[in-house]
Protein backbone atom coordinates (compact mmCIF):
# COMPACT_ATOMS: atom_id res chain seq x y z
CA MET A 1 102.41 109.91 -155.75
CA PRO A 2 105.60 107.81 -155.86
CA VAL A 3 105.34 104.13 -156.61
CA GLU A 4 106.10 101.93 -153.60
CA ARG A 5 108.59 99.13 -154.07
CA SER A 6 107.51 95.62 -153.18
CA PHE A 7 110.03 95.40 -150.32
CA TYR A 8 108.63 98.57 -148.76
CA ARG A 9 105.07 97.27 -149.10
CA TRP A 10 106.19 94.01 -147.49
CA LEU A 11 107.75 95.94 -144.59
CA ARG A 12 104.52 97.84 -144.04
CA CYS A 13 102.51 94.59 -143.95
CA HIS A 14 104.81 92.86 -141.43
CA PRO A 15 105.38 95.27 -138.53
CA GLY A 16 106.92 92.67 -136.19
CA VAL A 17 109.55 91.60 -138.69
CA THR A 18 110.13 95.23 -139.65
CA PHE A 19 110.76 96.17 -136.03
CA PHE A 20 113.17 93.24 -135.62
CA LEU A 21 114.99 94.21 -138.84
CA MET A 22 115.11 97.84 -137.71
CA THR A 23 116.64 96.80 -134.38
CA ALA A 24 119.19 94.51 -136.05
CA SER A 25 120.24 97.21 -138.53
CA PHE A 26 120.55 99.74 -135.69
CA LEU A 27 122.83 97.39 -133.73
CA ALA A 28 124.90 96.59 -136.83
CA PHE A 29 125.29 100.31 -137.61
CA GLY A 30 126.38 101.00 -134.05
CA TYR A 31 128.85 98.12 -134.01
CA LEU A 32 130.37 99.03 -137.38
CA THR A 33 130.81 102.70 -136.55
CA ILE A 34 132.51 102.26 -133.17
CA ASP A 35 135.88 104.03 -133.49
CA LEU A 36 135.54 104.19 -137.29
CA VAL A 37 136.47 107.89 -137.43
CA HIS A 38 139.44 107.31 -135.13
CA LEU A 39 140.67 104.36 -137.20
CA LEU A 40 140.28 106.27 -140.48
CA SER A 41 142.16 109.28 -139.16
CA SER A 42 144.93 107.08 -137.74
CA ASN A 43 145.24 105.25 -141.05
CA ALA A 44 145.37 108.52 -143.00
CA ALA A 45 148.01 109.91 -140.63
CA PHE A 46 150.06 106.72 -141.05
CA ILE A 47 149.91 107.00 -144.85
CA VAL A 48 150.77 110.71 -144.82
CA ARG A 49 153.62 110.24 -142.37
CA HIS A 50 155.27 107.24 -144.03
CA GLY A 51 154.16 107.61 -147.65
CA TRP A 52 154.88 104.80 -150.08
CA VAL A 53 156.21 102.46 -147.36
CA ALA A 54 152.90 102.75 -145.52
CA LEU A 55 150.95 101.89 -148.67
CA ILE A 56 153.11 98.84 -149.33
CA SER A 57 152.92 97.78 -145.66
CA GLY A 58 149.14 97.45 -145.84
CA GLY A 59 147.96 100.98 -145.28
CA LEU A 60 146.10 101.06 -148.58
CA LEU A 61 144.46 97.69 -147.90
CA GLN A 62 143.41 98.86 -144.45
CA LEU A 63 142.01 102.08 -145.91
CA GLY A 64 139.97 100.01 -148.36
CA GLU A 65 138.68 97.78 -145.57
CA LEU A 66 137.71 100.79 -143.46
CA SER A 67 135.94 102.35 -146.45
CA LEU A 68 134.03 99.10 -147.01
CA THR A 69 133.07 99.04 -143.34
CA ALA A 70 131.77 102.61 -143.65
CA LEU A 71 129.78 101.64 -146.74
CA ILE A 72 128.19 98.64 -144.98
CA ALA A 73 127.41 100.83 -141.97
CA MET A 74 125.66 103.32 -144.26
CA VAL A 75 123.58 100.53 -145.83
CA ASN A 76 122.51 99.49 -142.33
CA TYR A 77 121.59 103.08 -141.51
CA LEU A 78 119.48 103.37 -144.67
CA LEU A 79 117.75 100.07 -143.85
CA PHE A 80 117.04 101.39 -140.34
CA ARG A 81 115.49 104.57 -141.78
CA LEU A 82 113.41 102.60 -144.30
CA CYS A 83 112.02 100.38 -141.54
CA GLU A 84 111.37 103.43 -139.39
CA LYS A 85 109.41 105.10 -142.19
CA ALA A 86 107.40 101.94 -142.88
CA LEU A 87 106.47 101.54 -139.22
CA LEU A 88 105.58 105.20 -138.77
CA GLN A 89 103.49 105.22 -141.91
CA ARG A 90 101.66 102.10 -140.76
CA LEU A 91 101.07 103.56 -137.29
CA SER A 92 99.82 106.85 -138.70
CA SER A 93 97.41 105.10 -141.08
CA VAL A 94 96.07 103.01 -138.17
CA ALA A 95 95.63 106.17 -136.12
CA ARG A 96 93.79 107.90 -138.99
CA ALA A 97 91.52 104.89 -139.37
CA MET A 98 90.71 104.97 -135.67
CA ASP A 99 90.02 108.73 -135.78
CA SER A 100 87.63 108.37 -138.71
CA GLN A 101 85.47 105.81 -136.88
């Protein structure tokens, strides 16, 4: 059986805060990913079309910023899934306890 991390145990013990954190991470993920694919493809097309001039003009910096945004969005998604798992595990253990009574 895998060892649970203290943060995961804390999430399981505080379902209200976990639900709030899950909602906040869901909203942050949604906000960060709006038009992200479109912006990345436009940036890549700009760099391919104009080459070195595009990189000097800020295309490389913008590509880095978009990549960082994607990374932060992924962290929010993982946090959402962790909260989801903690809540579902807590709910299933409560249901099992009620069934055994």
